[in-house]
C-alpha atoms as a PDB file:
ATOM      1  CA  MET A   1       0.000   0.000   0.000  1.00  0.00           C
ATOM      2  CA  GLY A   2       2.796   2.411   0.907  1.00  0.00           C
ATOM      3  CA  ARG A   3       4.492   1.922  -2.455  1.00  0.00           C
ATOM      4  CA  ALA A   4       1.254   2.557  -4.370  1.00  0.00           C
ATOM      5  CA  LYS A   5       0.513   5.644  -2.264  1.00  0.00           C
ATOM      6  CA  GLY A   6       4.017   6.970  -2.906  1.00  0.00           C
ATOM      7  CA  TRP A   7       3.598   6.376  -6.663  1.00  0.00           C
ATOM      8  CA  ILE A   8       0.249   8.221  -6.642  1.00  0.00           C
ATOM      9  CA  VAL A   9       1.796  11.120  -4.701  1.00  0.00           C
ATOM     10  CA  GLY A  10       4.731  11.165  -7.147  1.00  0.00           C
ATOM     11  CA  VAL A  11       2.356  11.316 -10.103  1.00  0.00           C
ATOM     12  CA  VAL A  12       0.180  13.996  -8.475  1.00  0.00           C
ATOM     13  CA  PHE A  13       3.129  16.189  -7.466  1.00  0.00           C
ATOM     14  CA  GLY A  14       5.164  15.444 -10.600  1.00  0.00           C
ATOM     15  CA  TYR A  15       5.675  17.739 -13.570  1.00  0.00           C
ATOM     16  CA  ASP A  16       2.243  16.654 -14.897  1.00  0.00           C
ATOM     17  CA  SER A  17       0.546  17.717 -11.653  1.00  0.00           C
ATOM     18  CA  ILE A  18      -1.427  20.606 -13.216  1.00  0.00           C
ATOM     19  CA  LEU A  19      -2.849  18.490 -16.032  1.00  0.00           C
ATOM     20  CA  PHE A  20      -3.526  15.611 -13.637  1.00  0.00           C
ATOM     21  CA  MET A  21      -5.357  17.851 -11.168  1.00  0.00           C
ATOM     22  CA  LEU A  22      -7.400  19.455 -13.965  1.00  0.00           C
ATOM     23  CA  LEU A  23      -8.352  16.001 -15.238  1.00  0.00           C
ATOM     24  CA  LEU A  24      -9.248  14.824 -11.733  1.00  0.00           C
ATOM     25  CA  VAL A  25     -11.358  17.926 -11.011  1.00  0.00           C
ATOM     26  CA  SER A  26     -13.153  17.712 -14.364  1.00  0.00           C
ATOM     27  CA  VAL A  27     -13.948  14.016 -13.819  1.00  0.00           C
ATOM     28  CA  LEU A  28     -15.245  14.723 -10.308  1.00  0.00           C
ATOM     29  CA  LEU A  29     -17.406  17.587 -11.590  1.00  0.00           C
ATOM     30  CA  MET A  30     -18.822  15.377 -14.343  1.00  0.00           C
ATOM     31  CA  LEU A  31     -19.658  12.673 -11.781  1.00  0.00           C
ATOM     32  CA  LEU A  32     -21.353  15.239  -9.527  1.00  0.00           C
ATOM     33  CA  LEU A  33     -23.397  16.600 -12.442  1.00  0.00           C
ATOM     34  CA  LEU A  34     -24.415  13.079 -13.483  1.00  0.00           C
ATOM     35  CA  LEU A  35     -25.421  12.285  -9.893  1.00  0.00           C
ATOM     36  CA  LEU A  36     -27.516  15.461  -9.636  1.00  0.00           C
ATOM     37  CA  LEU A  37     -29.140  14.760 -13.009  1.00  0.00           C
ATOM     38  CA  LEU A  38     -29.960  11.189 -11.998  1.00  0.00           C
ATOM     39  CA  LEU A  39     -31.397  12.355  -8.672  1.00  0.00           C
ATOM     40  CA  ARG A  40     -33.499  15.106 -10.277  1.00  0.00           C
ATOM     41  CA  LEU A  41     -34.330  13.253 -13.489  1.00  0.00           C
ATOM     42  CA  PRO A  42     -37.987  12.310 -12.727  1.00  0.00           C
ATOM     43  CA  GLN A  43     -38.950  15.883 -11.795  1.00  0.00           C
ATOM     44  CA  ASN A  44     -37.030  17.413 -14.698  1.00  0.00           C
ATOM     45  CA  ALA A  45     -38.453  14.892 -17.163  1.00  0.00           C
ATOM     46  CA  ALA A  46     -42.017  15.677 -16.060  1.00  0.00           C
ATOM     47  CA  VAL A  47     -41.389  19.435 -16.290  1.00  0.00           C
ATOM     48  CA  LEU A  48     -39.791  19.084 -19.723  1.00  0.00           C
ATOM     49  CA  VAL A  49     -42.687  16.976 -21.011  1.00  0.00           C
ATOM     50  CA  LEU A  50     -45.216  19.505 -19.701  1.00  0.00           C
ATOM     51  CA  GLN A  51     -43.280  22.398 -21.267  1.00  0.00           C
ATOM     52  CA  LEU A  52     -43.045  20.590 -24.613  1.00  0.00           C
ATOM     53  CA  ARG A  53     -46.770  19.827 -24.561  1.00  0.00           C
ATOM     54  CA  SER A  54     -47.661  23.447 -23.767  1.00  0.00           C
ATOM     55  CA  ASN A  55     -45.301  24.688 -26.500  1.00  0.00           C
ATOM     56  CA  LEU A  56     -46.826  22.304 -29.035  1.00  0.00           C
ATOM     57  CA  ALA A  57     -50.339  23.380 -28.021  1.00  0.00           C
ATOM     58  CA  GLN A  58     -49.388  27.074 -28.346  1.00  0.00           C
ATOM     59  CA  THR A  59     -47.863  26.583 -31.798  1.00  0.00           C
ATOM     60  CA  ARG A  60     -50.932  24.652 -32.951  1.00  0.00           C
ATOM     61  CA  HIS A  61     -53.231  27.395 -31.664  1.00  0.00           C
ATOM     62  CA  ARG A  62     -51.129  30.083 -33.374  1.00  0.00           C
ATOM     63  CA  ARG A  63     -51.412  28.263 -36.695  1.00  0.00           C
END
């Protein structure tokens, strides 16, 4: 375990540390966004469907 931890620390604090940290942060943000979307998906889906239906009804009435 100690060897693996030292290798990870070496990679993180190596000359590629900035790129590695950016990649890590972007991946974590993507996972957080996916989690939020999955948690809020039923509500958002219902709202989107209602909005689409109202928009379709409005366009039909305008025509």
